[in-house]
Amino acid sequence: MKVKVILKETIKGVGKKDEIVEVKDGYANNFLLNKNKAVLATPENIKKLEAQKAKIQKNHDRDVQNANELKELLAKKEIVLKVKAGANNKVFGSIGGKEIAQAVKEQLGIEIDKKKVSTDSKVKELGTHEVEIKLHTEVKAILKVKVEGKE
């Protein structure tokens, strides 16, 4: 006999977290339910799962909207970094995510995690550069970074 359960965690060969799966009743009773890895797929538990998924989706949509608004704001802005530079307009060292995130916080008052600044865009020359910032898994912004030499 088979029984439907809602998985509380991903189990290899069975299914993913929050998925409704059909398993043999012995496996369900002796392992999944006993070890608190699943709950029975009763109408009440299915309603709870759907409400939880709706809440997660709503939060996800809000996060994407906030990220898009920030993307629009950053697209219109430019930050200026003053650094020491040598001949040929080469910067001593390079400007990475940490320096860019710090400048955005100081100049625009916006907190950005340095890990979200694309590492492949290390700035090594004077001039204006476009740096990619990952605001969300689905939203990436382009920020103009103007690098000027300081005396």
N, C-alpha and C. Protein backbone atom coordinates (compact mmCIF):
# COMPACT_ATOMS: atom_id res chain seq x y z
N MET A 1 0.84 -1.19 0.00
CA MET A 1 0.00 0.00 0.00
C MET A 1 0.88 1.25 0.00
N LYS A 2 0.41 2.28 -0.67
CA LYS A 2 1.18 3.53 -0.73
C LYS A 2 0.45 4.64 0.01
N VAL A 3 1.25 5.61 0.47
CA VAL A 3 0.70 6.74 1.22
C VAL A 3 1.38 8.02 0.72
N LYS A 4 0.63 9.14 0.73
CA LYS A 4 1.19 10.42 0.28
C LYS A 4 1.72 11.18 1.50
N VAL A 5 2.93 11.74 1.33
CA VAL A 5 3.53 12.53 2.40
C VAL A 5 4.10 13.82 1.81
N ILE A 6 4.28 14.82 2.69
CA ILE A 6 4.94 16.07 2.32
C ILE A 6 6.32 16.04 2.95
N LEU A 7 7.35 16.12 2.12
CA LEU A 7 8.72 16.05 2.63
C LEU A 7 9.12 17.35 3.32
N LYS A 8 9.78 17.22 4.46
CA LYS A 8 10.27 18.39 5.20
C LYS A 8 11.69 18.74 4.79
N GLU A 9 12.35 17.83 4.11
CA GLU A 9 13.72 18.07 3.61
C GLU A 9 13.91 17.25 2.34
N THR A 10 14.92 17.59 1.57
CA THR A 10 15.21 16.86 0.35
C THR A 10 15.82 15.51 0.71
N ILE A 11 15.26 14.46 0.13
CA ILE A 11 15.77 13.11 0.37
C ILE A 11 16.09 12.50 -0.99
N LYS A 12 17.36 12.11 -1.15
CA LYS A 12 17.84 11.58 -2.42
C LYS A 12 17.03 10.35 -2.82
N GLY A 13 16.59 10.34 -4.05
CA GLY A 13 15.84 9.21 -4.56
C GLY A 13 14.36 9.25 -4.22
N VAL A 14 13.93 10.22 -3.40
CA VAL A 14 12.52 10.32 -3.01
C VAL A 14 11.91 11.60 -3.54
N GLY A 15 12.50 12.75 -3.17
CA GLY A 15 11.98 14.02 -3.65
C GLY A 15 12.61 15.20 -2.94
N LYS A 16 12.15 16.38 -3.32
CA LYS A 16 12.70 17.62 -2.76
C LYS A 16 11.84 18.11 -1.60
N LYS A 17 12.43 19.03 -0.83
CA LYS A 17 11.73 19.65 0.30
C LYS A 17 10.42 20.28 -0.17
N ASP A 18 9.38 20.16 0.64
CA ASP A 18 8.04 20.70 0.38
C ASP A 18 7.35 20.06 -0.83
N GLU A 19 7.81 18.90 -1.25
CA GLU A 19 7.19 18.20 -2.37
C GLU A 19 6.26 17.12 -1.82
N ILE A 20 5.13 16.91 -2.48
CA ILE A 20 4.22 15.85 -2.08
C ILE A 20 4.59 14.61 -2.91
N VAL A 21 4.95 13.53 -2.21
CA VAL A 21 5.36 12.31 -2.89
C VAL A 21 4.56 11.12 -2.36
N GLU A 22 4.52 10.09 -3.17
CA GLU A 22 3.83 8.86 -2.77
C GLU A 22 4.89 7.80 -2.49
N VAL A 23 4.87 7.26 -1.28
CA VAL A 23 5.85 6.24 -0.89
C VAL A 23 5.12 5.07 -0.25
N LYS A 24 5.83 3.95 -0.11
CA LYS A 24 5.23 2.79 0.54
C LYS A 24 4.97 3.12 2.01
N ASP A 25 3.87 2.59 2.53
CA ASP A 25 3.48 2.96 3.90
C ASP A 25 4.50 2.53 4.94
N GLY A 26 5.19 1.44 4.71
CA GLY A 26 6.22 1.00 5.66
C GLY A 26 7.37 1.99 5.71
N TYR A 27 7.81 2.47 4.55
CA TYR A 27 8.89 3.45 4.48
C TYR A 27 8.46 4.76 5.14
N ALA A 28 7.20 5.14 4.86
CA ALA A 28 6.68 6.38 5.46
C ALA A 28 6.63 6.26 6.98
N ASN A 29 6.03 5.19 7.50
CA ASN A 29 5.86 5.04 8.95
C ASN A 29 7.19 4.80 9.68
N ASN A 30 8.02 3.92 9.13
CA ASN A 30 9.25 3.53 9.83
C ASN A 30 10.40 4.50 9.68
N PHE A 31 10.41 5.27 8.60
CA PHE A 31 11.55 6.17 8.38
C PHE A 31 11.15 7.64 8.31
N LEU A 32 10.35 8.00 7.30
CA LEU A 32 10.05 9.41 7.07
C LEU A 32 9.31 10.06 8.24
N LEU A 33 8.22 9.46 8.67
CA LEU A 33 7.43 10.06 9.76
C LEU A 33 8.15 9.89 11.10
N ASN A 34 8.75 8.72 11.30
CA ASN A 34 9.45 8.42 12.56
C ASN A 34 10.63 9.36 12.80
N LYS A 35 11.36 9.70 11.75
CA LYS A 35 12.54 10.57 11.86
C LYS A 35 12.20 12.03 11.60
N ASN A 36 10.91 12.36 11.53
CA ASN A 36 10.44 13.73 11.33
C ASN A 36 10.96 14.34 10.02
N LYS A 37 11.06 13.52 8.99
CA LYS A 37 11.52 13.99 7.69
C LYS A 37 10.33 14.30 6.76
N ALA A 38 9.11 13.95 7.21
CA ALA A 38 7.92 14.19 6.40
C ALA A 38 6.69 14.22 7.30
N VAL A 39 5.60 14.75 6.75
CA VAL A 39 4.29 14.71 7.42
C VAL A 39 3.30 14.13 6.43
N LEU A 40 2.24 13.54 6.94
CA LEU A 40 1.21 13.00 6.06
C LEU A 40 0.59 14.11 5.24
N ALA A 41 0.25 13.79 4.00
CA ALA A 41 -0.34 14.79 3.10
C ALA A 41 -1.85 14.85 3.32
N THR A 42 -2.25 15.30 4.51
CA THR A 42 -3.66 15.49 4.80
C THR A 42 -4.11 16.80 4.17
N PRO A 43 -5.41 16.99 3.94
CA PRO A 43 -5.88 18.27 3.36
C PRO A 43 -5.40 19.48 4.18
N GLU A 44 -5.38 19.33 5.51
CA GLU A 44 -4.93 20.44 6.37
C GLU A 44 -3.45 20.77 6.14
N ASN A 45 -2.62 19.72 6.08
CA ASN A 45 -1.19 19.93 5.85
C ASN A 45 -0.91 20.46 4.45
N ILE A 46 -1.71 20.05 3.47
CA ILE A 46 -1.54 20.56 2.10
C ILE A 46 -1.89 22.04 2.06
N LYS A 47 -2.94 22.46 2.78
CA LYS A 47 -3.31 23.88 2.85
C LYS A 47 -2.18 24.70 3.48
N LYS A 48 -1.60 24.16 4.57
CA LYS A 48 -0.48 24.86 5.22
C LYS A 48 0.68 25.03 4.25
N LEU A 49 0.98 23.97 3.50
CA LEU A 49 2.08 24.00 2.53
C LEU A 49 1.82 25.05 1.45
N GLU A 50 0.58 25.09 0.94
CA GLU A 50 0.25 26.07 -0.10
C GLU A 50 0.32 27.50 0.43
N ALA A 51 -0.12 27.70 1.68
CA ALA A 51 -0.04 29.03 2.29
C ALA A 51 1.42 29.45 2.46
N GLN A 52 2.24 28.50 2.86
CA GLN A 52 3.68 28.77 3.05
C GLN A 52 4.33 29.11 1.70
N LYS A 53 3.98 28.35 0.66
CA LYS A 53 4.54 28.62 -0.68
C LYS A 53 4.09 29.98 -1.19
N ALA A 54 2.82 30.35 -0.92
CA ALA A 54 2.30 31.65 -1.36
C ALA A 54 3.05 32.78 -0.66
N LYS A 55 3.33 32.60 0.63
CA LYS A 55 4.06 33.61 1.40
C LYS A 55 5.49 33.76 0.86
N ILE A 56 6.13 32.63 0.57
CA ILE A 56 7.49 32.66 0.02
C ILE A 56 7.49 33.36 -1.33
N GLN A 57 6.48 33.06 -2.17
CA GLN A 57 6.39 33.69 -3.49
C GLN A 57 6.18 35.20 -3.36
N LYS A 58 5.33 35.60 -2.41
CA LYS A 58 5.06 37.02 -2.18
C LYS A 58 6.34 37.74 -1.76
N ASN A 59 7.08 37.13 -0.83
CA ASN A 59 8.36 37.72 -0.38
C ASN A 59 9.35 37.79 -1.54
N HIS A 60 9.39 36.75 -2.36
CA HIS A 60 10.29 36.71 -3.52
C HIS A 60 9.94 37.84 -4.49
N ASP A 61 8.65 38.00 -4.77
CA ASP A 61 8.20 39.06 -5.68
C ASP A 61 8.58 40.44 -5.14
N ARG A 62 8.41 40.63 -3.82
CA ARG A 62 8.75 41.91 -3.20
C ARG A 62 10.26 42.16 -3.31
N ASP A 63 11.06 41.12 -3.05
CA ASP A 63 12.52 41.27 -3.15
C ASP A 63 12.96 41.62 -4.56
N VAL A 64 12.34 40.98 -5.56
CA VAL A 64 12.67 41.27 -6.96
C VAL A 64 12.28 42.72 -7.29
N GLN A 65 11.12 43.16 -6.82
CA GLN A 65 10.68 44.53 -7.08
C GLN A 65 11.64 45.53 -6.45
N ASN A 66 12.05 45.29 -5.18
CA ASN A 66 13.00 46.18 -4.51
C ASN A 66 14.33 46.20 -5.26
N ALA A 67 14.79 45.04 -5.72
CA ALA A 67 16.05 44.97 -6.45
C ALA A 67 15.95 45.73 -7.76
N ASN A 68 14.81 45.64 -8.44
CA ASN A 68 14.62 46.38 -9.70
C ASN A 68 14.62 47.88 -9.47
N GLU A 69 14.00 48.33 -8.36
CA GLU A 69 13.99 49.75 -8.04
C GLU A 69 15.41 50.25 -7.76
N LEU A 70 16.18 49.45 -7.03
CA LEU A 70 17.57 49.81 -6.74
C LEU A 70 18.39 49.82 -8.02
N LYS A 71 18.11 48.89 -8.93
CA LYS A 71 18.81 48.82 -10.21
C LYS A 71 18.59 50.11 -11.00
N GLU A 72 17.33 50.58 -11.03
CA GLU A 72 17.01 51.82 -11.75
C GLU A 72 17.77 53.00 -11.14
N LEU A 73 17.82 53.03 -9.81
CA LEU A 73 18.50 54.11 -9.10
C LEU A 73 20.00 54.10 -9.42
N LEU A 74 20.61 52.91 -9.34
CA LEU A 74 22.06 52.80 -9.58
C LEU A 74 22.42 53.11 -11.04
N ALA A 75 21.51 52.81 -11.96
CA ALA A 75 21.79 53.06 -13.38
C ALA A 75 21.97 54.55 -13.65
N LYS A 76 21.33 55.40 -12.83
CA LYS A 76 21.39 56.85 -13.04
C LYS A 76 22.56 57.48 -12.28
N LYS A 77 23.21 56.72 -11.42
CA LYS A 77 24.25 57.27 -10.55
C LYS A 77 25.65 56.91 -11.07
N GLU A 78 26.61 57.64 -10.51
CA GLU A 78 28.01 57.37 -10.81
C GLU A 78 28.78 57.62 -9.52
N ILE A 79 29.69 56.72 -9.19
CA ILE A 79 30.52 56.97 -8.02
C ILE A 79 31.93 57.31 -8.49
N VAL A 80 32.62 58.11 -7.71
CA VAL A 80 33.97 58.54 -8.06
C VAL A 80 34.94 58.01 -7.01
N LEU A 81 35.98 57.36 -7.48
CA LEU A 81 37.03 56.85 -6.59
C LEU A 81 38.32 57.56 -6.93
N LYS A 82 38.98 58.10 -5.92
CA LYS A 82 40.28 58.73 -6.14
C LYS A 82 41.36 57.78 -5.62
N VAL A 83 42.26 57.40 -6.51
CA VAL A 83 43.30 56.44 -6.14
C VAL A 83 44.66 56.89 -6.68
N LYS A 84 45.69 56.31 -6.11
CA LYS A 84 47.03 56.59 -6.62
C LYS A 84 47.21 55.79 -7.90
N ALA A 85 47.79 56.46 -8.90
CA ALA A 85 48.02 55.79 -10.17
C ALA A 85 49.41 56.14 -10.68
N GLY A 86 49.97 55.22 -11.40
CA GLY A 86 51.31 55.41 -11.95
C GLY A 86 51.22 55.84 -13.41
N ALA A 87 52.32 55.61 -14.11
CA ALA A 87 52.37 55.95 -15.53
C ALA A 87 51.37 55.07 -16.28
N ASN A 88 51.01 55.49 -17.47
CA ASN A 88 50.05 54.77 -18.32
C ASN A 88 48.67 54.64 -17.68
N ASN A 89 48.35 55.52 -16.73
CA ASN A 89 47.05 55.49 -16.05
C ASN A 89 46.74 54.18 -15.34
N LYS A 90 47.77 53.46 -14.95
CA LYS A 90 47.56 52.20 -14.23
C LYS A 90 47.40 52.49 -12.74
N VAL A 91 46.41 51.83 -12.13
CA VAL A 91 46.15 51.99 -10.70
C VAL A 91 47.12 51.11 -9.92
N PHE A 92 47.65 51.66 -8.81
CA PHE A 92 48.48 50.81 -7.95
C PHE A 92 47.57 49.81 -7.27
N GLY A 93 47.81 48.53 -7.47
CA GLY A 93 46.90 47.50 -6.96
C GLY A 93 45.69 47.46 -7.88
N SER A 94 44.55 47.11 -7.34
CA SER A 94 43.33 47.16 -8.14
C SER A 94 42.16 47.51 -7.22
N ILE A 95 41.10 47.95 -7.81
CA ILE A 95 39.90 48.32 -7.05
C ILE A 95 38.93 47.16 -7.19
N GLY A 96 38.60 46.54 -6.06
CA GLY A 96 37.71 45.38 -6.08
C GLY A 96 36.36 45.68 -5.47
N GLY A 97 35.62 44.63 -5.18
CA GLY A 97 34.27 44.73 -4.65
C GLY A 97 34.20 45.49 -3.34
N LYS A 98 35.19 45.27 -2.47
CA LYS A 98 35.18 45.92 -1.15
C LYS A 98 35.23 47.44 -1.30
N GLU A 99 36.14 47.93 -2.14
CA GLU A 99 36.30 49.37 -2.32
C GLU A 99 35.06 49.99 -2.99
N ILE A 100 34.50 49.27 -3.96
CA ILE A 100 33.32 49.79 -4.66
C ILE A 100 32.11 49.82 -3.72
N ALA A 101 31.92 48.74 -2.93
CA ALA A 101 30.80 48.69 -1.98
C ALA A 101 30.92 49.81 -0.95
N GLN A 102 32.16 50.07 -0.50
CA GLN A 102 32.41 51.14 0.48
C GLN A 102 32.08 52.50 -0.12
N ALA A 103 32.48 52.71 -1.38
CA ALA A 103 32.22 53.99 -2.05
C ALA A 103 30.72 54.21 -2.27
N VAL A 104 30.00 53.15 -2.61
CA VAL A 104 28.55 53.26 -2.81
C VAL A 104 27.89 53.65 -1.50
N LYS A 105 28.35 53.07 -0.40
CA LYS A 105 27.78 53.39 0.92
C LYS A 105 28.06 54.84 1.28
N GLU A 106 29.29 55.29 1.05
CA GLU A 106 29.68 56.65 1.43
C GLU A 106 29.03 57.70 0.52
N GLN A 107 29.03 57.46 -0.79
CA GLN A 107 28.58 58.48 -1.73
C GLN A 107 27.07 58.45 -1.99
N LEU A 108 26.45 57.27 -1.94
CA LEU A 108 25.03 57.17 -2.25
C LEU A 108 24.18 56.79 -1.05
N GLY A 109 24.82 56.37 0.03
CA GLY A 109 24.09 55.96 1.22
C GLY A 109 23.34 54.65 1.05
N ILE A 110 23.83 53.80 0.15
CA ILE A 110 23.18 52.51 -0.11
C ILE A 110 24.13 51.39 0.30
N GLU A 111 23.62 50.49 1.14
CA GLU A 111 24.43 49.35 1.58
C GLU A 111 24.41 48.26 0.51
N ILE A 112 25.60 47.86 0.06
CA ILE A 112 25.71 46.75 -0.90
C ILE A 112 26.77 45.81 -0.37
N ASP A 113 26.45 44.53 -0.37
CA ASP A 113 27.41 43.52 0.09
C ASP A 113 28.55 43.43 -0.93
N LYS A 114 29.80 43.47 -0.43
CA LYS A 114 30.95 43.45 -1.35
C LYS A 114 30.98 42.18 -2.19
N LYS A 115 30.36 41.10 -1.71
CA LYS A 115 30.34 39.84 -2.47
C LYS A 115 29.41 39.93 -3.66
N LYS A 116 28.51 40.92 -3.66
CA LYS A 116 27.55 41.07 -4.76
C LYS A 116 28.16 41.83 -5.94
N VAL A 117 29.30 42.49 -5.70
CA VAL A 117 29.98 43.21 -6.77
C VAL A 117 30.77 42.20 -7.59
N SER A 118 30.56 42.19 -8.88
CA SER A 118 31.18 41.20 -9.76
C SER A 118 32.71 41.26 -9.66
N THR A 119 33.32 40.12 -9.37
CA THR A 119 34.77 40.08 -9.18
C THR A 119 35.53 40.13 -10.49
N ASP A 120 34.88 39.79 -11.60
CA ASP A 120 35.59 39.84 -12.88
C ASP A 120 35.75 41.27 -13.37
N SER A 121 35.20 42.22 -12.61
CA SER A 121 35.32 43.61 -13.04
C SER A 121 36.26 44.38 -12.11
N LYS A 122 37.42 43.81 -11.82
CA LYS A 122 38.40 44.55 -11.03
C LYS A 122 38.93 45.68 -11.89
N VAL A 123 38.91 46.86 -11.31
CA VAL A 123 39.30 48.05 -12.05
C VAL A 123 40.78 48.29 -11.85
N LYS A 124 41.53 48.39 -12.96
CA LYS A 124 42.98 48.55 -12.86
C LYS A 124 43.49 49.78 -13.59
N GLU A 125 42.57 50.57 -14.17
CA GLU A 125 43.00 51.76 -14.91
C GLU A 125 42.12 52.95 -14.54
N LEU A 126 42.63 54.14 -14.78
CA LEU A 126 41.84 55.35 -14.59
C LEU A 126 40.79 55.43 -15.68
N GLY A 127 39.72 56.16 -15.41
CA GLY A 127 38.66 56.31 -16.40
C GLY A 127 37.33 55.84 -15.84
N THR A 128 36.33 55.76 -16.71
CA THR A 128 35.00 55.32 -16.28
C THR A 128 34.81 53.85 -16.64
N HIS A 129 34.36 53.10 -15.66
CA HIS A 129 34.15 51.66 -15.85
C HIS A 129 32.73 51.31 -15.47
N GLU A 130 32.20 50.27 -16.11
CA GLU A 130 30.88 49.77 -15.73
C GLU A 130 31.08 48.50 -14.92
N VAL A 131 30.51 48.50 -13.73
CA VAL A 131 30.67 47.38 -12.81
C VAL A 131 29.31 46.73 -12.59
N GLU A 132 29.28 45.40 -12.67
CA GLU A 132 28.02 44.68 -12.47
C GLU A 132 27.84 44.36 -10.99
N ILE A 133 26.62 44.61 -10.50
CA ILE A 133 26.29 44.30 -9.11
C ILE A 133 25.08 43.38 -9.11
N LYS A 134 25.23 42.23 -8.45
CA LYS A 134 24.13 41.27 -8.38
C LYS A 134 23.24 41.64 -7.20
N LEU A 135 22.10 42.25 -7.47
CA LEU A 135 21.18 42.69 -6.43
C LEU A 135 20.28 41.56 -5.96
N HIS A 136 20.03 40.61 -6.87
CA HIS A 136 19.14 39.48 -6.59
C HIS A 136 19.51 38.39 -7.59
N THR A 137 19.08 37.17 -7.35
CA THR A 137 19.43 36.11 -8.30
C THR A 137 18.91 36.41 -9.70
N GLU A 138 17.85 37.22 -9.79
CA GLU A 138 17.27 37.54 -11.09
C GLU A 138 17.57 38.96 -11.57
N VAL A 139 18.20 39.78 -10.73
CA VAL A 139 18.40 41.19 -11.07
C VAL A 139 19.87 41.58 -10.93
N LYS A 140 20.42 42.12 -12.03
CA LYS A 140 21.79 42.62 -12.01
C LYS A 140 21.76 44.08 -12.43
N ALA A 141 22.54 44.90 -11.72
CA ALA A 141 22.59 46.33 -12.04
C ALA A 141 23.97 46.67 -12.58
N ILE A 142 24.02 47.70 -13.37
CA ILE A 142 25.29 48.22 -13.88
C ILE A 142 25.53 49.58 -13.23
N LEU A 143 26.68 49.72 -12.58
CA LEU A 143 27.02 50.96 -11.90
C LEU A 143 28.25 51.56 -12.58
N LYS A 144 28.18 52.87 -12.83
CA LYS A 144 29.34 53.55 -13.42
C LYS A 144 30.29 53.94 -12.30
N VAL A 145 31.53 53.54 -12.45
CA VAL A 145 32.56 53.86 -11.47
C VAL A 145 33.62 54.69 -12.19
N LYS A 146 33.78 55.93 -11.75
CA LYS A 146 34.78 56.83 -12.36
C LYS A 146 36.01 56.80 -11.46
N VAL A 147 37.12 56.39 -12.01
CA VAL A 147 38.37 56.29 -11.25
C VAL A 147 39.27 57.45 -11.66
N GLU A 148 39.61 58.26 -10.67
CA GLU A 148 40.48 59.42 -10.92
C GLU A 148 41.76 59.28 -10.12
N GLY A 149 42.84 59.78 -10.68
CA GLY A 149 44.11 59.75 -9.95
C GLY A 149 44.15 60.87 -8.93
N LYS A 150 44.80 60.59 -7.81
CA LYS A 150 44.93 61.68 -6.83
C LYS A 150 46.40 62.04 -6.71
N GLU A 151 46.60 63.27 -6.42
CA GLU A 151 47.98 63.77 -6.35
C GLU A 151 48.66 63.30 -5.10
